[in-house]
PDB file of N, CA and C in Angstrom:
ATOM      1  N   MET A   1     -42.177  92.018  39.607  1.00  0.00           N
ATOM      2  CA  MET A   1     -41.091  92.632  40.344  1.00  0.00           C
ATOM      3  C   MET A   1     -40.914  91.981  41.724  1.00  0.00           C
ATOM      4  N   HIS A   2     -42.053  91.701  42.392  1.00  0.00           N
ATOM      5  CA  HIS A   2     -41.969  91.063  43.704  1.00  0.00           C
ATOM      6  C   HIS A   2     -41.355  89.676  43.607  1.00  0.00           C
ATOM      7  N   LEU A   3     -41.653  88.975  42.566  1.00  0.00           N
ATOM      8  CA  LEU A   3     -41.114  87.629  42.391  1.00  0.00           C
ATOM      9  C   LEU A   3     -39.599  87.677  42.224  1.00  0.00           C
ATOM     10  N   LEU A   4     -39.106  88.653  41.496  1.00  0.00           N
ATOM     11  CA  LEU A   4     -37.661  88.802  41.288  1.00  0.00           C
ATOM     12  C   LEU A   4     -36.951  89.138  42.595  1.00  0.00           C
ATOM     13  N   LEU A   5     -37.553  90.030  43.383  1.00  0.00           N
ATOM     14  CA  LEU A   5     -36.964  90.378  44.684  1.00  0.00           C
ATOM     15  C   LEU A   5     -36.973  89.179  45.636  1.00  0.00           C
ATOM     16  N   GLN A   6     -38.040  88.398  45.609  1.00  0.00           N
ATOM     17  CA  GLN A   6     -38.114  87.220  46.470  1.00  0.00           C
ATOM     18  C   GLN A   6     -37.085  86.174  46.059  1.00  0.00           C
ATOM     19  N   LEU A   7     -36.899  85.983  44.773  1.00  0.00           N
ATOM     20  CA  LEU A   7     -35.885  85.033  44.302  1.00  0.00           C
ATOM     21  C   LEU A   7     -34.475  85.503  44.664  1.00  0.00           C
ATOM     22  N   ALA A   8     -34.227  86.800  44.537  1.00  0.00           N
ATOM     23  CA  ALA A   8     -32.919  87.340  44.913  1.00  0.00           C
ATOM     24  C   ALA A   8     -32.678  87.158  46.405  1.00  0.00           C
ATOM     25  N   PHE A   9     -33.708  87.405  47.216  1.00  0.00           N
ATOM     26  CA  PHE A   9     -33.574  87.227  48.660  1.00  0.00           C
ATOM     27  C   PHE A   9     -33.297  85.772  49.004  1.00  0.00           C
ATOM     28  N   ILE A  10     -34.015  84.859  48.397  1.00  0.00           N
ATOM     29  CA  ILE A  10     -33.811  83.428  48.655  1.00  0.00           C
ATOM     30  C   ILE A  10     -32.411  83.004  48.234  1.00  0.00           C
ATOM     31  N   ALA A  11     -31.934  83.525  47.100  1.00  0.00           N
ATOM     32  CA  ALA A  11     -30.581  83.190  46.641  1.00  0.00           C
ATOM     33  C   ALA A  11     -29.539  83.722  47.621  1.00  0.00           C
ATOM     34  N   LEU A  12     -29.693  84.967  48.064  1.00  0.00           N
ATOM     35  CA  LEU A  12     -28.741  85.538  49.023  1.00  0.00           C
ATOM     36  C   LEU A  12     -28.790  84.820  50.367  1.00  0.00           C
ATOM     37  N   LEU A  13     -29.983  84.457  50.784  1.00  0.00           N
ATOM     38  CA  LEU A  13     -30.116  83.714  52.030  1.00  0.00           C
ATOM     39  C   LEU A  13     -29.446  82.351  51.923  1.00  0.00           C
ATOM     40  N   GLY A  14     -29.612  81.681  50.787  1.00  0.00           N
ATOM     41  CA  GLY A  14     -28.972  80.384  50.585  1.00  0.00           C
ATOM     42  C   GLY A  14     -27.451  80.498  50.568  1.00  0.00           C
ATOM     43  N   ILE A  15     -26.940  81.526  49.905  1.00  0.00           N
ATOM     44  CA  ILE A  15     -25.482  81.722  49.858  1.00  0.00           C
ATOM     45  C   ILE A  15     -24.943  82.031  51.247  1.00  0.00           C
ATOM     46  N   ALA A  16     -25.647  82.892  51.989  1.00  0.00           N
ATOM     47  CA  ALA A  16     -25.203  83.234  53.347  1.00  0.00           C
ATOM     48  C   ALA A  16     -25.217  82.012  54.250  1.00  0.00           C
ATOM     49  N   THR A  17     -26.251  81.188  54.131  1.00  0.00           N
ATOM     50  CA  THR A  17     -26.328  79.965  54.936  1.00  0.00           C
ATOM     51  C   THR A  17     -25.199  79.004  54.575  1.00  0.00           C
ATOM     52  N   TRP A  18     -24.927  78.882  53.289  1.00  0.00           N
ATOM     53  CA  TRP A  18     -23.851  78.000  52.848  1.00  0.00           C
ATOM     54  C   TRP A  18     -22.491  78.484  53.363  1.00  0.00           C
ATOM     55  N   LEU A  19     -22.232  79.789  53.280  1.00  0.00           N
ATOM     56  CA  LEU A  19     -20.958  80.326  53.774  1.00  0.00           C
ATOM     57  C   LEU A  19     -20.825  80.149  55.284  1.00  0.00           C
ATOM     58  N   PHE A  20     -21.908  80.375  56.012  1.00  0.00           N
ATOM     59  CA  PHE A  20     -21.877  80.198  57.461  1.00  0.00           C
ATOM     60  C   PHE A  20     -21.590  78.753  57.834  1.00  0.00           C
ATOM     61  N   SER A  21     -22.269  77.814  57.185  1.00  0.00           N
ATOM     62  CA  SER A  21     -22.040  76.406  57.516  1.00  0.00           C
ATOM     63  C   SER A  21     -20.636  75.961  57.117  1.00  0.00           C
ATOM     64  N   LYS A  22     -20.122  76.478  56.002  1.00  0.00           N
ATOM     65  CA  LYS A  22     -18.764  76.129  55.580  1.00  0.00           C
ATOM     66  C   LYS A  22     -17.744  76.611  56.611  1.00  0.00           C
ATOM     67  N   LYS A  23     -17.895  77.851  57.069  1.00  0.00           N
ATOM     68  CA  LYS A  23     -16.966  78.394  58.063  1.00  0.00           C
ATOM     69  C   LYS A  23     -17.095  77.651  59.392  1.00  0.00           C
ATOM     70  N   THR A  24     -18.323  77.281  59.765  1.00  0.00           N
ATOM     71  CA  THR A  24     -18.534  76.535  61.000  1.00  0.00           C
ATOM     72  C   THR A  24     -17.843  75.184  60.947  1.00  0.00           C
ATOM     73  N   TRP A  25     -17.934  74.476  59.832  1.00  0.00           N
ATOM     74  CA  TRP A  25     -17.272  73.182  59.702  1.00  0.00           C
ATOM     75  C   TRP A  25     -15.758  73.334  59.692  1.00  0.00           C
ATOM     76  N   GLN A  26     -15.229  74.415  59.117  1.00  0.00           N
ATOM     77  CA  GLN A  26     -13.779  74.645  59.137  1.00  0.00           C
ATOM     78  C   GLN A  26     -13.290  74.864  60.565  1.00  0.00           C
ATOM     79  N   ILE A  27     -14.018  75.660  61.323  1.00  0.00           N
ATOM     80  CA  ILE A  27     -13.638  75.909  62.717  1.00  0.00           C
ATOM     81  C   ILE A  27     -13.719  74.620  63.524  1.00  0.00           C
ATOM     82  N   ARG A  28     -14.781  73.848  63.322  1.00  0.00           N
ATOM     83  CA  ARG A  28     -14.929  72.573  64.027  1.00  0.00           C
ATOM     84  C   ARG A  28     -13.792  71.621  63.689  1.00  0.00           C
ATOM     85  N   ARG A  29     -13.426  71.554  62.403  1.00  0.00           N
ATOM     86  CA  ARG A  29     -12.336  70.676  61.984  1.00  0.00           C
ATOM     87  C   ARG A  29     -11.021  71.099  62.646  1.00  0.00           C
ATOM     88  N   ASN A  30     -10.774  72.395  62.723  1.00  0.00           N
ATOM     89  CA  ASN A  30      -9.542  72.882  63.350  1.00  0.00           C
ATOM     90  C   ASN A  30      -9.522  72.594  64.842  1.00  0.00           C
ATOM     91  N   ILE A  31     -10.659  72.702  65.493  1.00  0.00           N
ATOM     92  CA  ILE A  31     -10.718  72.392  66.925  1.00  0.00           C
ATOM     93  C   ILE A  31     -10.441  70.917  67.165  1.00  0.00           C
ATOM     94  N   LEU A  32     -10.970  70.070  66.310  1.00  0.00           N
ATOM     95  CA  LEU A  32     -10.790  68.631  66.487  1.00  0.00           C
ATOM     96  C   LEU A  32      -9.373  68.163  66.151  1.00  0.00           C
ATOM     97  N   LEU A  33      -8.533  69.041  65.594  1.00  0.00           N
ATOM     98  CA  LEU A  33      -7.147  68.675  65.331  1.00  0.00           C
ATOM     99  C   LEU A  33      -6.314  68.609  66.612  1.00  0.00           C
ATOM    100  N   GLY A  34      -6.815  69.219  67.675  1.00  0.00           N
ATOM    101  CA  GLY A  34      -6.071  69.243  68.937  1.00  0.00           C
ATOM    102  C   GLY A  34      -5.929  67.860  69.535  1.00  0.00           C
ATOM    103  N   ARG A  35      -4.908  67.714  70.340  1.00  0.00           N
ATOM    104  CA  ARG A  35      -4.655  66.434  71.003  1.00  0.00           C
ATOM    105  C   ARG A  35      -5.217  66.464  72.416  1.00  0.00           C
ATOM    106  N   ASP A  36      -5.536  65.282  72.944  1.00  0.00           N
ATOM    107  CA  ASP A  36      -5.995  65.181  74.316  1.00  0.00           C
ATOM    108  C   ASP A  36      -4.844  65.517  75.258  1.00  0.00           C
ATOM    109  N   GLU A  37      -5.155  66.193  76.328  1.00  0.00           N
ATOM    110  CA  GLU A  37      -4.145  66.611  77.305  1.00  0.00           C
ATOM    111  C   GLU A  37      -4.112  65.611  78.457  1.00  0.00           C
ATOM    112  N   ASP A  38      -2.905  65.350  78.971  1.00  0.00           N
ATOM    113  CA  ASP A  38      -2.742  64.466  80.122  1.00  0.00           C
ATOM    114  C   ASP A  38      -2.813  65.317  81.389  1.00  0.00           C
ATOM    115  N   PHE A  39      -3.843  65.120  82.190  1.00  0.00           N
ATOM    116  CA  PHE A  39      -4.052  65.907  83.403  1.00  0.00           C
ATOM    117  C   PHE A  39      -3.709  65.123  84.662  1.00  0.00           C
ATOM    118  N   SER A  40      -2.768  64.211  84.586  1.00  0.00           N
ATOM    119  CA  SER A  40      -2.464  63.368  85.738  1.00  0.00           C
ATOM    120  C   SER A  40      -1.392  63.973  86.643  1.00  0.00           C
ATOM    121  N   GLY A  41      -0.885  65.155  86.323  1.00  0.00           N
ATOM    122  CA  GLY A  41       0.187  65.768  87.118  1.00  0.00           C
ATOM    123  C   GLY A  41      -0.338  66.499  88.340  1.00  0.00           C
ATOM    124  N   SER A  42       0.477  67.427  88.815  1.00  0.00           N
ATOM    125  CA  SER A  42       0.166  68.189  90.011  1.00  0.00           C
ATOM    126  C   SER A  42      -0.934  69.213  89.734  1.00  0.00           C
ATOM    127  N   SER A  43      -2.003  69.123  90.480  1.00  0.00           N
ATOM    128  CA  SER A  43      -3.135  70.033  90.293  1.00  0.00           C
ATOM    129  C   SER A  43      -2.764  71.460  90.688  1.00  0.00           C
ATOM    130  N   SER A  44      -2.015  71.613  91.770  1.00  0.00           N
ATOM    131  CA  SER A  44      -1.668  72.965  92.222  1.00  0.00           C
ATOM    132  C   SER A  44      -0.749  73.665  91.205  1.00  0.00           C
ATOM    133  N   GLN A  45       0.155  72.937  90.588  1.00  0.00           N
ATOM    134  CA  GLN A  45       1.046  73.536  89.589  1.00  0.00           C
ATOM    135  C   GLN A  45       0.256  73.956  88.348  1.00  0.00           C
ATOM    136  N   ARG A  46      -0.725  73.147  87.948  1.00  0.00           N
ATOM    137  CA  ARG A  46      -1.558  73.515  86.799  1.00  0.00           C
ATOM    138  C   ARG A  46      -2.363  74.774  87.085  1.00  0.00           C
ATOM    139  N   TRP A  47      -2.939  74.880  88.290  1.00  0.00           N
ATOM    140  CA  TRP A  47      -3.708  76.077  88.644  1.00  0.00           C
ATOM    141  C   TRP A  47      -2.811  77.304  88.691  1.00  0.00           C
ATOM    142  N   ARG A  48      -1.595  77.154  89.198  1.00  0.00           N
ATOM    143  CA  ARG A  48      -0.648  78.277  89.253  1.00  0.00           C
ATOM    144  C   ARG A  48      -0.316  78.752  87.845  1.00  0.00           C
ATOM    145  N   ASN A  49      -0.018  77.812  86.942  1.00  0.00           N
ATOM    146  CA  ASN A  49       0.276  78.173  85.555  1.00  0.00           C
ATOM    147  C   ASN A  49      -0.925  78.834  84.887  1.00  0.00           C
ATOM    148  N   LEU A  50      -2.112  78.313  85.160  1.00  0.00           N
ATOM    149  CA  LEU A  50      -3.317  78.893  84.576  1.00  0.00           C
ATOM    150  C   LEU A  50      -3.495  80.345  85.010  1.00  0.00           C
ATOM    151  N   LEU A  51      -3.332  80.615  86.287  1.00  0.00           N
ATOM    152  CA  LEU A  51      -3.504  81.981  86.783  1.00  0.00           C
ATOM    153  C   LEU A  51      -2.426  82.911  86.251  1.00  0.00           C
ATOM    154  N   LEU A  52      -1.188  82.423  86.178  1.00  0.00           N
ATOM    155  CA  LEU A  52      -0.110  83.268  85.650  1.00  0.00           C
ATOM    156  C   LEU A  52      -0.333  83.591  84.178  1.00  0.00           C
ATOM    157  N   LEU A  53      -0.741  82.609  83.405  1.00  0.00           N
ATOM    158  CA  LEU A  53      -0.976  82.849  81.985  1.00  0.00           C
ATOM    159  C   LEU A  53      -2.236  83.667  81.751  1.00  0.00           C
ATOM    160  N   ALA A  54      -3.274  83.441  82.550  1.00  0.00           N
ATOM    161  CA  ALA A  54      -4.546  84.151  82.359  1.00  0.00           C
ATOM    162  C   ALA A  54      -4.384  85.642  82.606  1.00  0.00           C
ATOM    163  N   PHE A  55      -3.576  86.004  83.557  1.00  0.00           N
ATOM    164  CA  PHE A  55      -3.386  87.423  83.859  1.00  0.00           C
ATOM    165  C   PHE A  55      -2.192  88.008  83.123  1.00  0.00           C
ATOM    166  N   GLY A  56      -1.507  87.214  82.304  1.00  0.00           N
ATOM    167  CA  GLY A  56      -0.417  87.710  81.480  1.00  0.00           C
ATOM    168  C   GLY A  56       0.812  88.124  82.262  1.00  0.00           C
ATOM    169  N   GLN A  57       1.025  87.544  83.406  1.00  0.00           N
ATOM    170  CA  GLN A  57       2.111  87.987  84.274  1.00  0.00           C
ATOM    171  C   GLN A  57       3.241  86.965  84.386  1.00  0.00           C
ATOM    172  N   LYS A  58       3.247  85.925  83.567  1.00  0.00           N
ATOM    173  CA  LYS A  58       4.243  84.870  83.722  1.00  0.00           C
ATOM    174  C   LYS A  58       5.659  85.401  83.511  1.00  0.00           C
ATOM    175  N   LYS A  59       5.868  86.222  82.479  1.00  0.00           N
ATOM    176  CA  LYS A  59       7.199  86.761  82.227  1.00  0.00           C
ATOM    177  C   LYS A  59       7.626  87.701  83.346  1.00  0.00           C
ATOM    178  N   MET A  60       6.680  88.429  83.898  1.00  0.00           N
ATOM    179  CA  MET A  60       7.003  89.367  84.960  1.00  0.00           C
ATOM    180  C   MET A  60       7.501  88.637  86.205  1.00  0.00           C
ATOM    181  N   PHE A  61       6.936  87.467  86.498  1.00  0.00           N
ATOM    182  CA  PHE A  61       7.375  86.723  87.666  1.00  0.00           C
ATOM    183  C   PHE A  61       8.663  85.950  87.407  1.00  0.00           C
ATOM    184  N   LYS A  62       8.997  85.680  86.146  1.00  0.00           N
ATOM    185  CA  LYS A  62      10.280  85.044  85.842  1.00  0.00           C
ATOM    186  C   LYS A  62      11.427  86.029  86.043  1.00  0.00           C
ATOM    187  N   ASN A  63      11.241  87.259  85.590  1.00  0.00           N
ATOM    188  CA  ASN A  63      12.262  88.300  85.694  1.00  0.00           C
ATOM    189  C   ASN A  63      11.666  89.502  86.428  1.00  0.00           C
ATOM    190  N   PRO A  64      11.570  89.415  87.754  1.00  0.00           N
ATOM    191  CA  PRO A  64      10.937  90.522  88.490  1.00  0.00           C
ATOM    192  C   PRO A  64      11.789  91.796  88.395  1.00  0.00           C
ATOM    193  N   TRP A  65      11.123  92.907  88.278  1.00  0.00           N
ATOM    194  CA  TRP A  65      11.812  94.183  88.128  1.00  0.00           C
ATOM    195  C   TRP A  65      12.362  94.698  89.460  1.00  0.00           C
ATOM    196  N   TRP A  66      11.889  94.142  90.575  1.00  0.00           N
ATOM    197  CA  TRP A  66      12.318  94.653  91.873  1.00  0.00           C
ATOM    198  C   TRP A  66      13.599  94.017  92.379  1.00  0.00           C
ATOM    199  N   GLN A  67      14.181  93.108  91.603  1.00  0.00           N
ATOM    200  CA  GLN A  67      15.449  92.493  92.048  1.00  0.00           C
ATOM    201  C   GLN A  67      16.628  93.195  91.470  1.00  0.00           C
TER     202      GLN A  67
END
């Protein structure tokens, strides 16, 4: 009985490891599909865009409600 449980555990562990590695390679492949970004522009404009997008307020500053 112990041998059967150990074999079942090893089989489940192998399947789980295989699924994890398969998903990891899929995520890695998708990340590597991205293109390199050109960062030669204005640093201050990039930081401004980053802060506006990070806080989710870009649309609010385009169409302010107080005008």
